[in-house]
N, C-alpha and C. Protein backbone atom coordinates (compact mmCIF):
# COMPACT_ATOMS: atom_id res chain seq x y z
N MET A 1 86.70 126.69 65.36
CA MET A 1 85.91 127.44 64.40
C MET A 1 85.42 126.49 63.31
N ALA A 2 84.15 126.54 63.03
CA ALA A 2 83.56 125.67 62.02
C ALA A 2 83.97 126.14 60.62
N THR A 3 84.15 125.19 59.75
CA THR A 3 84.48 125.52 58.37
C THR A 3 83.21 125.93 57.64
N PRO A 4 83.20 127.14 57.06
CA PRO A 4 81.99 127.56 56.36
C PRO A 4 81.81 126.77 55.06
N GLU A 5 80.59 126.50 54.74
CA GLU A 5 80.29 125.83 53.48
C GLU A 5 79.99 126.91 52.45
N LEU A 6 80.68 126.83 51.32
CA LEU A 6 80.51 127.82 50.27
C LEU A 6 79.92 127.17 49.03
N SER A 7 79.17 127.94 48.32
CA SER A 7 78.66 127.51 47.03
C SER A 7 79.20 128.49 46.01
N ILE A 8 79.88 127.96 44.99
CA ILE A 8 80.47 128.84 43.99
C ILE A 8 79.96 128.48 42.61
N ALA A 9 80.00 129.44 41.72
CA ALA A 9 79.62 129.21 40.33
C ALA A 9 80.89 129.29 39.48
N LEU A 10 81.08 128.32 38.63
CA LEU A 10 82.22 128.29 37.73
C LEU A 10 81.75 128.58 36.31
N THR A 11 82.65 129.13 35.52
CA THR A 11 82.33 129.28 34.10
C THR A 11 82.22 127.89 33.50
N GLY A 12 81.61 127.78 32.36
CA GLY A 12 81.48 126.49 31.69
C GLY A 12 82.83 125.84 31.45
N GLU A 13 83.79 126.64 31.04
CA GLU A 13 85.14 126.12 30.77
C GLU A 13 85.79 125.58 32.04
N MET A 14 85.66 126.33 33.13
CA MET A 14 86.24 125.87 34.40
C MET A 14 85.55 124.62 34.90
N ALA A 15 84.23 124.57 34.80
CA ALA A 15 83.48 123.40 35.24
C ALA A 15 83.90 122.17 34.44
N THR A 16 84.11 122.34 33.16
CA THR A 16 84.56 121.24 32.31
C THR A 16 85.93 120.75 32.75
N LEU A 17 86.83 121.67 33.07
CA LEU A 17 88.16 121.28 33.54
C LEU A 17 88.08 120.47 34.82
N VAL A 18 87.24 120.91 35.74
CA VAL A 18 87.07 120.19 37.01
C VAL A 18 86.50 118.80 36.75
N CYS A 19 85.46 118.73 35.96
CA CYS A 19 84.83 117.43 35.66
C CYS A 19 85.79 116.50 34.93
N ASP A 20 86.52 117.03 33.97
CA ASP A 20 87.48 116.22 33.22
C ASP A 20 88.57 115.66 34.14
N ALA A 21 89.01 116.46 35.12
CA ALA A 21 90.05 116.00 36.05
C ALA A 21 89.55 114.83 36.88
N VAL A 22 88.27 114.85 37.25
CA VAL A 22 87.70 113.75 38.03
C VAL A 22 87.46 112.54 37.13
N GLU A 23 86.88 112.77 35.95
CA GLU A 23 86.57 111.66 35.03
C GLU A 23 87.82 110.94 34.55
N SER A 24 88.94 111.66 34.44
CA SER A 24 90.19 111.04 33.99
C SER A 24 90.85 110.23 35.09
N GLY A 25 90.35 110.38 36.32
CA GLY A 25 90.92 109.66 37.45
C GLY A 25 92.06 110.40 38.14
N ASP A 26 92.34 111.61 37.69
CA ASP A 26 93.41 112.39 38.33
C ASP A 26 93.04 112.79 39.76
N TYR A 27 91.77 112.98 40.01
CA TYR A 27 91.27 113.38 41.32
C TYR A 27 90.04 112.55 41.66
N PRO A 28 89.86 112.23 42.94
CA PRO A 28 88.69 111.43 43.31
C PRO A 28 87.38 112.22 43.31
N THR A 29 87.45 113.51 43.63
CA THR A 29 86.23 114.31 43.71
C THR A 29 86.45 115.71 43.14
N HIS A 30 85.33 116.38 42.85
CA HIS A 30 85.41 117.76 42.39
C HIS A 30 86.02 118.65 43.46
N LEU A 31 85.68 118.37 44.71
CA LEU A 31 86.22 119.13 45.83
C LEU A 31 87.74 119.05 45.87
N ASP A 32 88.28 117.87 45.61
CA ASP A 32 89.74 117.71 45.62
C ASP A 32 90.41 118.57 44.55
N VAL A 33 89.78 118.68 43.39
CA VAL A 33 90.33 119.50 42.32
C VAL A 33 90.38 120.96 42.77
N VAL A 34 89.28 121.43 43.31
CA VAL A 34 89.19 122.83 43.73
C VAL A 34 90.14 123.09 44.90
N GLN A 35 90.22 122.18 45.85
CA GLN A 35 91.11 122.37 47.00
C GLN A 35 92.57 122.46 46.55
N GLN A 36 92.99 121.58 45.65
CA GLN A 36 94.38 121.64 45.19
C GLN A 36 94.64 122.92 44.41
N ALA A 37 93.69 123.33 43.60
CA ALA A 37 93.85 124.58 42.85
C ALA A 37 94.02 125.76 43.80
N LEU A 38 93.21 125.80 44.85
CA LEU A 38 93.32 126.88 45.82
C LEU A 38 94.63 126.83 46.59
N GLU A 39 95.08 125.63 46.95
CA GLU A 39 96.36 125.49 47.64
C GLU A 39 97.51 125.98 46.76
N GLU A 40 97.48 125.63 45.48
CA GLU A 40 98.52 126.07 44.55
C GLU A 40 98.47 127.58 44.34
N TRP A 41 97.26 128.12 44.24
CA TRP A 41 97.10 129.57 44.10
C TRP A 41 97.69 130.28 45.31
N LYS A 42 97.37 129.79 46.52
CA LYS A 42 97.87 130.42 47.74
C LYS A 42 99.39 130.33 47.80
N SER A 43 99.95 129.19 47.44
CA SER A 43 101.39 129.02 47.44
C SER A 43 102.06 129.99 46.47
N ASN A 44 101.52 130.09 45.26
CA ASN A 44 102.06 131.01 44.26
C ASN A 44 101.95 132.45 44.74
N ARG A 45 100.83 132.79 45.34
CA ARG A 45 100.62 134.14 45.85
C ARG A 45 101.61 134.45 46.96
N ASP A 46 101.80 133.51 47.88
CA ASP A 46 102.74 133.69 48.97
C ASP A 46 104.17 133.88 48.45
N GLN A 47 104.55 133.07 47.46
CA GLN A 47 105.89 133.19 46.86
C GLN A 47 106.05 134.54 46.18
N HIS A 48 105.03 134.97 45.47
CA HIS A 48 105.09 136.25 44.77
C HIS A 48 105.21 137.41 45.77
N LEU A 49 104.42 137.37 46.83
CA LEU A 49 104.51 138.41 47.85
C LEU A 49 105.86 138.41 48.55
N ALA A 50 106.42 137.24 48.81
CA ALA A 50 107.75 137.16 49.42
C ALA A 50 108.80 137.77 48.49
N TYR A 51 108.69 137.49 47.19
CA TYR A 51 109.61 138.07 46.22
C TYR A 51 109.49 139.60 46.21
N LEU A 52 108.25 140.10 46.20
CA LEU A 52 108.06 141.55 46.19
C LEU A 52 108.61 142.20 47.46
N ARG A 53 108.36 141.57 48.61
CA ARG A 53 108.90 142.12 49.87
C ARG A 53 110.43 142.17 49.84
N LYS A 54 111.03 141.09 49.36
CA LYS A 54 112.49 141.03 49.29
C LYS A 54 113.02 142.11 48.35
N ALA A 55 112.42 142.23 47.18
CA ALA A 55 112.86 143.25 46.21
C ALA A 55 112.69 144.64 46.79
N TRP A 56 111.57 144.86 47.47
CA TRP A 56 111.32 146.18 48.08
C TRP A 56 112.38 146.48 49.14
N ASN A 57 112.61 145.52 50.01
CA ASN A 57 113.59 145.73 51.08
C ASN A 57 115.00 145.96 50.53
N GLU A 58 115.36 145.23 49.48
CA GLU A 58 116.68 145.43 48.85
C GLU A 58 116.77 146.81 48.22
N ALA A 59 115.70 147.25 47.58
CA ALA A 59 115.71 148.57 46.94
C ALA A 59 115.82 149.67 48.00
N ILE A 60 115.09 149.53 49.08
CA ILE A 60 115.16 150.52 50.17
C ILE A 60 116.56 150.53 50.78
N ALA A 61 117.12 149.36 51.00
CA ALA A 61 118.44 149.26 51.62
C ALA A 61 119.54 149.83 50.74
N SER A 62 119.38 149.71 49.42
CA SER A 62 120.43 150.17 48.51
C SER A 62 120.46 151.69 48.39
N GLU A 63 119.37 152.33 48.60
CA GLU A 63 119.23 153.78 48.50
C GLU A 63 119.69 154.33 47.16
N SER A 64 119.96 153.46 46.20
CA SER A 64 120.42 153.93 44.90
C SER A 64 119.33 153.88 43.84
N VAL A 65 118.20 153.34 44.19
CA VAL A 65 117.11 153.20 43.24
C VAL A 65 116.13 154.36 43.43
N THR A 66 115.86 155.04 42.36
CA THR A 66 114.84 156.08 42.41
C THR A 66 113.70 155.69 41.49
N VAL A 67 112.52 156.01 41.90
CA VAL A 67 111.33 155.64 41.13
C VAL A 67 110.46 156.87 40.96
N ASP A 68 110.08 157.12 39.72
CA ASP A 68 109.08 158.16 39.46
C ASP A 68 107.73 157.47 39.60
N VAL A 69 107.04 157.75 40.67
CA VAL A 69 105.80 157.05 40.98
C VAL A 69 104.75 157.26 39.89
N ASP A 70 104.61 158.47 39.39
CA ASP A 70 103.63 158.71 38.32
C ASP A 70 103.95 157.88 37.08
N GLU A 71 105.22 157.84 36.71
CA GLU A 71 105.62 157.05 35.55
C GLU A 71 105.35 155.56 35.79
N MET A 72 105.65 155.09 37.01
CA MET A 72 105.42 153.68 37.34
C MET A 72 103.94 153.33 37.19
N PHE A 73 103.06 154.18 37.74
CA PHE A 73 101.63 153.89 37.64
C PHE A 73 101.13 154.03 36.20
N ASP A 74 101.68 154.95 35.45
CA ASP A 74 101.31 155.07 34.04
C ASP A 74 101.66 153.78 33.29
N ARG A 75 102.84 153.24 33.56
CA ARG A 75 103.26 152.00 32.91
C ARG A 75 102.38 150.82 33.34
N LEU A 76 102.03 150.77 34.62
CA LEU A 76 101.14 149.71 35.09
C LEU A 76 99.76 149.81 34.46
N ARG A 77 99.24 151.03 34.34
CA ARG A 77 97.93 151.21 33.69
C ARG A 77 97.98 150.74 32.24
N ALA A 78 99.03 151.13 31.54
CA ALA A 78 99.17 150.73 30.13
C ALA A 78 99.30 149.21 30.01
N LYS A 79 100.08 148.61 30.88
CA LYS A 79 100.30 147.16 30.85
C LYS A 79 99.01 146.39 31.05
N HIS A 80 98.16 146.90 31.91
CA HIS A 80 96.92 146.19 32.25
C HIS A 80 95.70 146.74 31.52
N GLY A 81 95.94 147.58 30.50
CA GLY A 81 94.84 148.07 29.67
C GLY A 81 93.90 149.01 30.38
N LEU A 82 94.39 149.71 31.39
CA LEU A 82 93.55 150.65 32.12
C LEU A 82 93.69 152.05 31.51
N PRO A 83 92.66 152.88 31.67
CA PRO A 83 92.74 154.22 31.09
C PRO A 83 93.82 155.04 31.79
N PRO A 84 94.39 156.01 31.08
CA PRO A 84 95.41 156.85 31.70
C PRO A 84 94.82 157.65 32.85
N ARG A 85 95.69 158.03 33.77
CA ARG A 85 95.24 158.80 34.92
C ARG A 85 94.75 160.16 34.49
N LEU A 86 93.86 160.70 35.27
CA LEU A 86 93.36 162.04 35.01
C LEU A 86 94.40 163.04 35.53
N VAL A 87 94.77 163.97 34.70
CA VAL A 87 95.74 164.96 35.10
C VAL A 87 94.99 166.21 35.52
N GLU A 88 95.28 166.67 36.75
CA GLU A 88 94.60 167.88 37.23
C GLU A 88 95.10 169.09 36.44
N SER A 89 94.17 169.97 36.10
CA SER A 89 94.57 171.15 35.34
C SER A 89 94.74 172.35 36.23
């Protein structure tokens, strides 16, 4: 399978970070900066998902944890600045 070529737009701040990393000699090319960032992102994401799966499986296995789903989502909405859920009347 051929590797697709992508064109992306970065914010000014992100573009500056990429350019600075190359100009400082930390990376040979802009592509190398972006590739390493994506590899680190994927690794962090994989670790986070593994942690969540493990926690979920432990909670299910323990059968002692109860969760109020509405309360959980209300807390997540508040944490992330989302509007409260609509309550059916």
